[in-house]
Amino acid sequence: MSGSTILLPLLLLLSGSSASHFHGGTMTFNPKGVNADESYTVDIRFKLAINPECPNSAWADSWTCQSGNCGSISSNALYNLDSSSGDWCQWEEVMIRNVDTNLPFILELSGGNWITTYVGDIAWRLRTTVDLGVRSDTGTANRSPQTTVIPLLLVPNTYAVQLMMEDFPTASITLTYKDGSLSNRSSSSPLSKLPVQFAVRVGAAVPSCAEGEYLPRFLSPTPAYGTHLYVAVNNTLEISVRAEALYSK
């Protein structure tokens, strides 16, 4: 992660219709080394929050390979982190995968819609780009930024937040792969892509859905829809949000 910048494209989904069960989730990856058979081991951690109860079994097998050689799962562990009875549950899984190559691959998890009252008929999807190429600036395998997410926010508005965290080098570097191929990465070419998604719960229904009446109208310095936010490694990113409404209920 040395000499990297993180980009967060921001997407706010606004609605008031019904959905299903998803509260949000994240995923990160960390290479663990090269095995005796020249395969690679990567530690993949993901957190999910759903409604209403914690699962009885792991979800690791539900991730599908969308591109590249995603290898196979050698072990998996599930940890319940927090819950609110009958409302939501957040858990983390540590999925160890063995892959034959360190070339990029894409994993995806999807199914159903966001939780009721957050967004209407919007399917959720977590998509992660894993790249284990050896970085020319550090001499080590590429690893993702580390991130987490809380399962639920309570505010007087209705929306879900979907972020894609992209990790960029601050200077041009080269990634080297097992097959001898090279990939040049500049400050506009991401080293990894990670989902960061969470839901926001609203209070009681209001007489009007017009922005600025009962429902807040976003004001500056709230980031605009689609804004790209940059942060250097080991620095804190603070996102300021300001809103106003004429009435309260």
C-alpha atoms as a PDB file:
ATOM      1  CA  MET A   1       0.000   0.000   0.000  1.00  0.00           C
ATOM      2  CA  SER A   2       3.090   2.252  -0.008  1.00  0.00           C
ATOM      3  CA  GLY A   3       2.652   5.332  -2.127  1.00  0.00           C
ATOM      4  CA  SER A   4      -1.027   4.855  -2.886  1.00  0.00           C
ATOM      5  CA  THR A   5      -4.095   7.046  -3.096  1.00  0.00           C
ATOM      6  CA  ILE A   6      -7.629   5.826  -2.432  1.00  0.00           C
ATOM      7  CA  LEU A   7     -10.559   6.978  -4.563  1.00  0.00           C
ATOM      8  CA  LEU A   8     -14.159   6.667  -3.376  1.00  0.00           C
ATOM      9  CA  PRO A   9     -16.808   7.243  -6.076  1.00  0.00           C
ATOM     10  CA  LEU A  10     -19.915   8.172  -4.072  1.00  0.00           C
ATOM     11  CA  LEU A  11     -23.400   6.947  -4.993  1.00  0.00           C
ATOM     12  CA  LEU A  12     -26.487   7.853  -2.949  1.00  0.00           C
ATOM     13  CA  LEU A  13     -29.624   5.840  -3.732  1.00  0.00           C
ATOM     14  CA  LEU A  14     -32.785   7.713  -2.725  1.00  0.00           C
ATOM     15  CA  SER A  15     -36.205   6.108  -2.473  1.00  0.00           C
ATOM     16  CA  GLY A  16     -39.098   5.178  -0.253  1.00  0.00           C
ATOM     17  CA  SER A  17     -40.272   1.839  -1.635  1.00  0.00           C
ATOM     18  CA  SER A  18     -39.898  -1.684  -0.406  1.00  0.00           C
ATOM     19  CA  ALA A  19     -36.866  -3.903  -0.833  1.00  0.00           C
ATOM     20  CA  SER A  20     -35.620  -7.034   0.911  1.00  0.00           C
ATOM     21  CA  HIS A  21     -32.850  -7.806   3.397  1.00  0.00           C
ATOM     22  CA  PHE A  22     -29.471  -6.203   2.678  1.00  0.00           C
ATOM     23  CA  HIS A  23     -27.936  -3.606   5.046  1.00  0.00           C
ATOM     24  CA  GLY A  24     -24.475  -3.389   3.484  1.00  0.00           C
ATOM     25  CA  GLY A  25     -21.047  -4.969   3.293  1.00  0.00           C
ATOM     26  CA  THR A  26     -17.337  -4.677   2.540  1.00  0.00           C
ATOM     27  CA  MET A  27     -14.502  -6.887   1.326  1.00  0.00           C
ATOM     28  CA  THR A  28     -10.695  -6.680   1.581  1.00  0.00           C
ATOM     29  CA  PHE A  29      -7.843  -8.991   0.593  1.00  0.00           C
ATOM     30  CA  ASN A  30      -4.347  -9.702   1.901  1.00  0.00           C
ATOM     31  CA  PRO A  31      -1.833 -12.035   0.161  1.00  0.00           C
ATOM     32  CA  LYS A  32      -0.337 -14.642   2.512  1.00  0.00           C
ATOM     33  CA  GLY A  33       2.508 -15.928   0.335  1.00  0.00           C
ATOM     34  CA  VAL A  34       3.587 -18.464  -2.277  1.00  0.00           C
ATOM     35  CA  ASN A  35       3.110 -22.168  -1.548  1.00  0.00           C
ATOM     36  CA  ALA A  36       5.531 -25.027  -2.259  1.00  0.00           C
ATOM     37  CA  ASP A  37       3.604 -25.882  -5.437  1.00  0.00           C
ATOM     38  CA  GLU A  38       3.975 -22.235  -6.602  1.00  0.00           C
ATOM     39  CA  SER A  39       0.298 -21.496  -6.010  1.00  0.00           C
ATOM     40  CA  TYR A  40      -0.745 -18.416  -4.053  1.00  0.00           C
ATOM     41  CA  THR A  41      -2.711 -18.055  -0.824  1.00  0.00           C
ATOM     42  CA  VAL A  42      -4.838 -14.974  -0.256  1.00  0.00           C
ATOM     43  CA  ASP A  43      -6.769 -14.025   2.875  1.00  0.00           C
ATOM     44  CA  ILE A  44     -10.132 -12.506   1.868  1.00  0.00           C
ATOM     45  CA  ARG A  45     -12.268 -10.900   4.568  1.00  0.00           C
ATOM     46  CA  PHE A  46     -15.816  -9.719   4.049  1.00  0.00           C
ATOM     47  CA  LYS A  47     -18.442  -8.240   6.345  1.00  0.00           C
ATOM     48  CA  LEU A  48     -22.161  -8.383   5.658  1.00  0.00           C
ATOM     49  CA  ALA A  49     -25.208  -7.027   7.456  1.00  0.00           C
ATOM     50  CA  ILE A  50     -28.661  -8.443   6.701  1.00  0.00           C
ATOM     51  CA  ASN A  51     -32.175  -8.496   8.112  1.00  0.00           C
ATOM     52  CA  PRO A  52     -33.303 -10.016  10.393  1.00  0.00           C
ATOM     53  CA  GLU A  53     -31.120 -12.824  11.798  1.00  0.00           C
ATOM     54  CA  CYS A  54     -27.566 -14.107  11.549  1.00  0.00           C
ATOM     55  CA  PRO A  55     -27.066 -16.928   9.023  1.00  0.00           C
ATOM     56  CA  ASN A  56     -26.723 -20.524  10.128  1.00  0.00           C
ATOM     57  CA  SER A  57     -23.985 -21.235   7.605  1.00  0.00           C
ATOM     58  CA  ALA A  58     -21.163 -19.406   5.846  1.00  0.00           C
ATOM     59  CA  TRP A  59     -21.692 -17.391   2.674  1.00  0.00           C
ATOM     60  CA  ALA A  60     -18.176 -17.846   1.284  1.00  0.00           C
ATOM     61  CA  ASP A  61     -19.331 -20.378  -1.304  1.00  0.00           C
ATOM     62  CA  SER A  62     -21.887 -17.864  -2.598  1.00  0.00           C
ATOM     63  CA  TRP A  63     -19.188 -15.615  -4.094  1.00  0.00           C
ATOM     64  CA  THR A  64     -18.948 -16.218  -7.840  1.00  0.00           C
ATOM     65  CA  CYS A  65     -15.935 -15.802 -10.088  1.00  0.00           C
ATOM     66  CA  GLN A  66     -16.689 -13.128 -12.682  1.00  0.00           C
ATOM     67  CA  SER A  67     -13.261 -12.878 -14.327  1.00  0.00           C
ATOM     68  CA  GLY A  68      -9.835 -14.536 -14.199  1.00  0.00           C
ATOM     69  CA  ASN A  69      -8.723 -17.550 -12.179  1.00  0.00           C
ATOM     70  CA  CYS A  70     -10.341 -17.213  -8.743  1.00  0.00           C
ATOM     71  CA  GLY A  71      -8.915 -20.485  -7.398  1.00  0.00           C
ATOM     72  CA  SER A  72     -10.686 -22.423  -4.665  1.00  0.00           C
ATOM     73  CA  ILE A  73     -11.537 -22.017  -0.980  1.00  0.00           C
ATOM     74  CA  SER A  74      -9.180 -23.916   1.323  1.00  0.00           C
ATOM     75  CA  SER A  75     -10.768 -22.778   4.601  1.00  0.00           C
ATOM     76  CA  ASN A  76     -13.403 -20.397   5.918  1.00  0.00           C
ATOM     77  CA  ALA A  77     -14.389 -19.051   9.325  1.00  0.00           C
ATOM     78  CA  LEU A  78     -17.534 -17.121  10.333  1.00  0.00           C
ATOM     79  CA  TYR A  79     -17.713 -14.629  13.197  1.00  0.00           C
ATOM     80  CA  ASN A  80     -20.894 -12.910  14.404  1.00  0.00           C
ATOM     81  CA  LEU A  81     -19.970  -9.301  15.221  1.00  0.00           C
ATOM     82  CA  ASP A  82     -23.145  -7.551  16.329  1.00  0.00           C
ATOM     83  CA  SER A  83     -26.917  -7.843  16.075  1.00  0.00           C
ATOM     84  CA  SER A  84     -30.250  -6.368  17.072  1.00  0.00           C
ATOM     85  CA  SER A  85     -32.806  -9.096  17.743  1.00  0.00           C
ATOM     86  CA  GLY A  86     -35.289  -9.414  14.902  1.00  0.00           C
ATOM     87  CA  ASP A  87     -33.833  -6.387  13.148  1.00  0.00           C
ATOM     88  CA  TRP A  88     -30.338  -6.913  11.745  1.00  0.00           C
ATOM     89  CA  CYS A  89     -27.177  -8.959  12.115  1.00  0.00           C
ATOM     90  CA  GLN A  90     -23.604  -8.181  11.044  1.00  0.00           C
ATOM     91  CA  TRP A  91     -20.968 -10.874  10.666  1.00  0.00           C
ATOM     92  CA  GLU A  92     -17.499 -11.320   9.217  1.00  0.00           C
ATOM     93  CA  GLU A  93     -16.084 -14.248   7.278  1.00  0.00           C
ATOM     94  CA  VAL A  94     -12.414 -14.989   6.677  1.00  0.00           C
ATOM     95  CA  MET A  95     -12.102 -16.898   3.419  1.00  0.00           C
ATOM     96  CA  ILE A  96      -8.713 -18.394   2.494  1.00  0.00           C
ATOM     97  CA  ARG A  97      -8.376 -19.016  -1.233  1.00  0.00           C
ATOM     98  CA  ASN A  98      -5.620 -20.809  -3.139  1.00  0.00           C
ATOM     99  CA  VAL A  99      -5.055 -19.594  -6.694  1.00  0.00           C
ATOM    100  CA  ASP A 100      -2.696 -20.933  -9.358  1.00  0.00           C
ATOM    101  CA  THR A 101      -1.644 -17.495 -10.579  1.00  0.00           C
ATOM    102  CA  ASN A 102      -1.261 -13.978  -9.216  1.00  0.00           C
ATOM    103  CA  LEU A 103      -3.082 -12.435 -12.180  1.00  0.00           C
ATOM    104  CA  PRO A 104      -6.163 -10.277 -11.401  1.00  0.00           C
ATOM    105  CA  PHE A 105      -9.540 -11.875 -10.743  1.00  0.00           C
ATOM    106  CA  ILE A 106     -12.991 -10.579  -9.829  1.00  0.00           C
ATOM    107  CA  LEU A 107     -15.318 -12.010  -7.161  1.00  0.00           C
ATOM    108  CA  GLU A 108     -18.959 -11.045  -6.820  1.00  0.00           C
ATOM    109  CA  LEU A 109     -21.718 -11.642  -4.280  1.00  0.00           C
ATOM    110  CA  SER A 110     -25.337 -10.701  -4.970  1.00  0.00           C
ATOM    111  CA  GLY A 111     -28.887 -11.771  -4.235  1.00  0.00           C
ATOM    112  CA  GLY A 112     -32.103  -9.974  -3.391  1.00  0.00           C
ATOM    113  CA  ASN A 113     -32.585  -6.256  -2.731  1.00  0.00           C
ATOM    114  CA  TRP A 114     -31.699  -3.621  -0.173  1.00  0.00           C
ATOM    115  CA  ILE A 115     -33.637  -3.631   3.089  1.00  0.00           C
ATOM    116  CA  THR A 116     -37.261  -2.440   3.122  1.00  0.00           C
ATOM    117  CA  THR A 117     -37.741   1.372   3.068  1.00  0.00           C
ATOM    118  CA  TYR A 118     -34.149   2.093   2.020  1.00  0.00           C
ATOM    119  CA  VAL A 119     -34.280   1.817  -1.761  1.00  0.00           C
ATOM    120  CA  GLY A 120     -37.016   0.534  -4.026  1.00  0.00           C
ATOM    121  CA  ASP A 121     -36.373  -2.532  -6.193  1.00  0.00           C
ATOM    122  CA  ILE A 122     -32.617  -1.941  -6.181  1.00  0.00           C
ATOM    123  CA  ALA A 123     -30.636  -5.176  -6.169  1.00  0.00           C
ATOM    124  CA  TRP A 124     -27.466  -5.246  -4.101  1.00  0.00           C
ATOM    125  CA  ARG A 125     -24.120  -6.451  -5.410  1.00  0.00           C
ATOM    126  CA  LEU A 126     -20.640  -6.608  -3.887  1.00  0.00           C
ATOM    127  CA  ARG A 127     -17.892  -6.808  -6.526  1.00  0.00           C
ATOM    128  CA  THR A 128     -14.170  -7.016  -5.707  1.00  0.00           C
ATOM    129  CA  THR A 129     -11.139  -6.890  -7.998  1.00  0.00           C
ATOM    130  CA  VAL A 130      -8.227  -8.867  -6.512  1.00  0.00           C
ATOM    131  CA  ASP A 131      -4.749  -8.268  -8.004  1.00  0.00           C
ATOM    132  CA  LEU A 132      -1.790 -10.102  -6.435  1.00  0.00           C
ATOM    133  CA  GLY A 133       0.892  -8.859  -8.832  1.00  0.00           C
ATOM    134  CA  VAL A 134       4.295  -7.955  -7.353  1.00  0.00           C
ATOM    135  CA  ARG A 135       4.662  -4.182  -7.057  1.00  0.00           C
ATOM    136  CA  SER A 136       7.816  -2.579  -8.406  1.00  0.00           C
ATOM    137  CA  ASP A 137       7.827   0.057  -5.648  1.00  0.00           C
ATOM    138  CA  THR A 138       7.651  -2.344  -2.679  1.00  0.00           C
ATOM    139  CA  GLY A 139       8.833  -5.653  -4.138  1.00  0.00           C
ATOM    140  CA  THR A 140       5.856  -7.368  -2.489  1.00  0.00           C
ATOM    141  CA  ALA A 141       2.480  -8.648  -3.645  1.00  0.00           C
ATOM    142  CA  ASN A 142      -0.235  -6.032  -4.032  1.00  0.00           C
ATOM    143  CA  ARG A 143      -2.720  -5.875  -1.168  1.00  0.00           C
ATOM    144  CA  SER A 144      -5.936  -3.926  -0.760  1.00  0.00           C
ATOM    145  CA  PRO A 145      -6.708  -1.017   1.571  1.00  0.00           C
ATOM    146  CA  GLN A 146      -8.355  -2.126   4.818  1.00  0.00           C
ATOM    147  CA  THR A 147     -11.860  -0.850   5.460  1.00  0.00           C
ATOM    148  CA  THR A 148     -14.968  -1.654   7.465  1.00  0.00           C
ATOM    149  CA  VAL A 149     -18.589  -0.568   7.710  1.00  0.00           C
ATOM    150  CA  ILE A 150     -21.229  -0.193  10.400  1.00  0.00           C
ATOM    151  CA  PRO A 151     -24.475  -2.143   9.800  1.00  0.00           C
ATOM    152  CA  LEU A 152     -26.923   0.728  10.121  1.00  0.00           C
ATOM    153  CA  LEU A 153     -27.241   4.521  10.403  1.00  0.00           C
ATOM    154  CA  LEU A 154     -30.330   6.318  11.708  1.00  0.00           C
ATOM    155  CA  VAL A 155     -31.127   9.700  10.121  1.00  0.00           C
ATOM    156  CA  PRO A 156     -34.300  11.548   9.002  1.00  0.00           C
ATOM    157  CA  ASN A 157     -34.001  10.586   5.337  1.00  0.00           C
ATOM    158  CA  THR A 158     -34.233   7.460   3.190  1.00  0.00           C
ATOM    159  CA  TYR A 159     -31.182   6.241   1.329  1.00  0.00           C
ATOM    160  CA  ALA A 160     -28.451   3.690   0.937  1.00  0.00           C
ATOM    161  CA  VAL A 161     -24.823   4.421   0.205  1.00  0.00           C
ATOM    162  CA  GLN A 162     -22.792   2.412  -2.284  1.00  0.00           C
ATOM    163  CA  LEU A 163     -19.076   3.207  -2.520  1.00  0.00           C
ATOM    164  CA  MET A 164     -16.396   1.599  -4.643  1.00  0.00           C
ATOM    165  CA  MET A 165     -12.977   2.024  -3.026  1.00  0.00           C
ATOM    166  CA  GLU A 166     -10.232   2.168  -5.659  1.00  0.00           C
ATOM    167  CA  ASP A 167      -6.556   2.084  -4.694  1.00  0.00           C
ATOM    168  CA  PHE A 168      -4.230   4.125  -6.971  1.00  0.00           C
ATOM    169  CA  PRO A 169      -0.418   4.459  -6.891  1.00  0.00           C
ATOM    170  CA  THR A 170       0.829   8.019  -6.410  1.00  0.00           C
ATOM    171  CA  ALA A 171       3.522   7.360  -9.029  1.00  0.00           C
ATOM    172  CA  SER A 172       3.649   4.963 -11.979  1.00  0.00           C
ATOM    173  CA  ILE A 173       4.605   1.416 -10.987  1.00  0.00           C
ATOM    174  CA  THR A 174       4.710  -2.009 -12.618  1.00  0.00           C
ATOM    175  CA  LEU A 175       3.035  -5.210 -11.445  1.00  0.00           C
ATOM    176  CA  THR A 176       4.811  -8.456 -12.322  1.00  0.00           C
ATOM    177  CA  TYR A 177       2.978 -11.767 -12.654  1.00  0.00           C
ATOM    178  CA  LYS A 178       3.895 -15.442 -12.435  1.00  0.00           C
ATOM    179  CA  ASP A 179       3.587 -15.915 -16.209  1.00  0.00           C
ATOM    180  CA  GLY A 180       6.156 -13.188 -16.839  1.00  0.00           C
ATOM    181  CA  SER A 181       3.654 -10.576 -17.968  1.00  0.00           C
ATOM    182  CA  LEU A 182       3.771  -6.986 -16.742  1.00  0.00           C
ATOM    183  CA  SER A 183       1.061  -4.435 -16.050  1.00  0.00           C
ATOM    184  CA  ASN A 184       1.889  -0.733 -15.865  1.00  0.00           C
ATOM    185  CA  ARG A 185      -0.205   1.225 -13.365  1.00  0.00           C
ATOM    186  CA  SER A 186      -0.388   5.007 -13.241  1.00  0.00           C
ATOM    187  CA  SER A 187      -2.196   7.403 -10.922  1.00  0.00           C
ATOM    188  CA  SER A 188      -5.325   6.787 -13.032  1.00  0.00           C
ATOM    189  CA  SER A 189      -5.108   2.947 -13.039  1.00  0.00           C
ATOM    190  CA  PRO A 190      -6.501   1.300  -9.877  1.00  0.00           C
ATOM    191  CA  LEU A 191      -4.578  -1.451  -8.098  1.00  0.00           C
ATOM    192  CA  SER A 192      -7.732  -2.850  -6.497  1.00  0.00           C
ATOM    193  CA  LYS A 193     -11.469  -2.207  -6.315  1.00  0.00           C
ATOM    194  CA  LEU A 194     -13.405  -2.862  -3.104  1.00  0.00           C
ATOM    195  CA  PRO A 195     -17.108  -2.482  -2.266  1.00  0.00           C
ATOM    196  CA  VAL A 196     -18.109  -0.321   0.730  1.00  0.00           C
ATOM    197  CA  GLN A 197     -21.896  -0.289   1.176  1.00  0.00           C
ATOM    198  CA  PHE A 198     -24.219   0.536   4.057  1.00  0.00           C
ATOM    199  CA  ALA A 199     -27.861   1.408   4.654  1.00  0.00           C
ATOM    200  CA  VAL A 200     -29.472   4.376   6.382  1.00  0.00           C
ATOM    201  CA  ARG A 201     -32.731   3.975   8.317  1.00  0.00           C
ATOM    202  CA  VAL A 202     -35.341   6.729   8.455  1.00  0.00           C
ATOM    203  CA  GLY A 203     -37.915   7.714  11.034  1.00  0.00           C
ATOM    204  CA  ALA A 204     -41.697   7.813  10.626  1.00  0.00           C
ATOM    205  CA  ALA A 205     -43.416   8.643   7.319  1.00  0.00           C
ATOM    206  CA  VAL A 206     -43.843  12.342   6.490  1.00  0.00           C
ATOM    207  CA  PRO A 207     -46.713  14.190   4.684  1.00  0.00           C
ATOM    208  CA  SER A 208     -44.516  15.307   1.788  1.00  0.00           C
ATOM    209  CA  CYS A 209     -41.524  13.818  -0.003  1.00  0.00           C
ATOM    210  CA  ALA A 210     -40.432  17.150  -1.492  1.00  0.00           C
ATOM    211  CA  GLU A 211     -36.804  17.830  -0.657  1.00  0.00           C
ATOM    212  CA  GLY A 212     -36.372  20.628   1.849  1.00  0.00           C
ATOM    213  CA  GLU A 213     -39.837  20.320   3.425  1.00  0.00           C
ATOM    214  CA  TYR A 214     -39.931  17.317   5.771  1.00  0.00           C
ATOM    215  CA  LEU A 215     -37.129  15.453   4.033  1.00  0.00           C
ATOM    216  CA  PRO A 216     -33.759  17.199   4.166  1.00  0.00           C
ATOM    217  CA  ARG A 217     -32.278  18.924   1.135  1.00  0.00           C
ATOM    218  CA  PHE A 218     -28.542  18.279   0.810  1.00  0.00           C
ATOM    219  CA  LEU A 219     -26.460  21.468   0.967  1.00  0.00           C
ATOM    220  CA  SER A 220     -22.802  22.309   0.472  1.00  0.00           C
ATOM    221  CA  PRO A 221     -20.329  20.880   1.479  1.00  0.00           C
ATOM    222  CA  THR A 222     -22.179  17.575   0.926  1.00  0.00           C
ATOM    223  CA  PRO A 223     -20.410  15.733  -1.936  1.00  0.00           C
ATOM    224  CA  ALA A 224     -22.376  15.775  -5.180  1.00  0.00           C
ATOM    225  CA  TYR A 225     -23.720  12.578  -6.719  1.00  0.00           C
ATOM    226  CA  GLY A 226     -20.843  10.690  -8.367  1.00  0.00           C
ATOM    227  CA  THR A 227     -18.127  12.705  -6.615  1.00  0.00           C
ATOM    228  CA  HIS A 228     -14.642  11.123  -6.571  1.00  0.00           C
ATOM    229  CA  LEU A 229     -12.967  11.483  -3.176  1.00  0.00           C
ATOM    230  CA  TYR A 230      -9.189  11.016  -2.826  1.00  0.00           C
ATOM    231  CA  VAL A 231      -7.258  10.121   0.320  1.00  0.00           C
ATOM    232  CA  ALA A 232      -3.597   9.202   0.802  1.00  0.00           C
ATOM    233  CA  VAL A 233      -2.664   5.959   2.542  1.00  0.00           C
ATOM    234  CA  ASN A 234      -2.563   6.220   6.370  1.00  0.00           C
ATOM    235  CA  ASN A 235      -4.510   9.506   6.246  1.00  0.00           C
ATOM    236  CA  THR A 236      -8.072  10.024   7.487  1.00  0.00           C
ATOM    237  CA  LEU A 237     -10.868  10.807   5.050  1.00  0.00           C
ATOM    238  CA  GLU A 238     -13.632  12.990   6.518  1.00  0.00           C
ATOM    239  CA  ILE A 239     -16.846  13.420   4.516  1.00  0.00           C
ATOM    240  CA  SER A 240     -18.956  16.409   5.588  1.00  0.00           C
ATOM    241  CA  VAL A 241     -22.711  16.253   4.978  1.00  0.00           C
ATOM    242  CA  ARG A 242     -25.062  19.216   5.545  1.00  0.00           C
ATOM    243  CA  ALA A 243     -28.829  19.338   4.998  1.00  0.00           C
ATOM    244  CA  GLU A 244     -31.877  21.432   5.878  1.00  0.00           C
ATOM    245  CA  ALA A 245     -35.642  20.966   6.174  1.00  0.00           C
ATOM    246  CA  LEU A 246     -38.453  23.469   6.843  1.00  0.00           C
ATOM    247  CA  TYR A 247     -40.528  21.182   9.052  1.00  0.00           C
ATOM    248  CA  SER A 248     -39.936  18.412  11.538  1.00  0.00           C
ATOM    249  CA  LYS A 249     -42.108  15.511  12.577  1.00  0.00           C
END
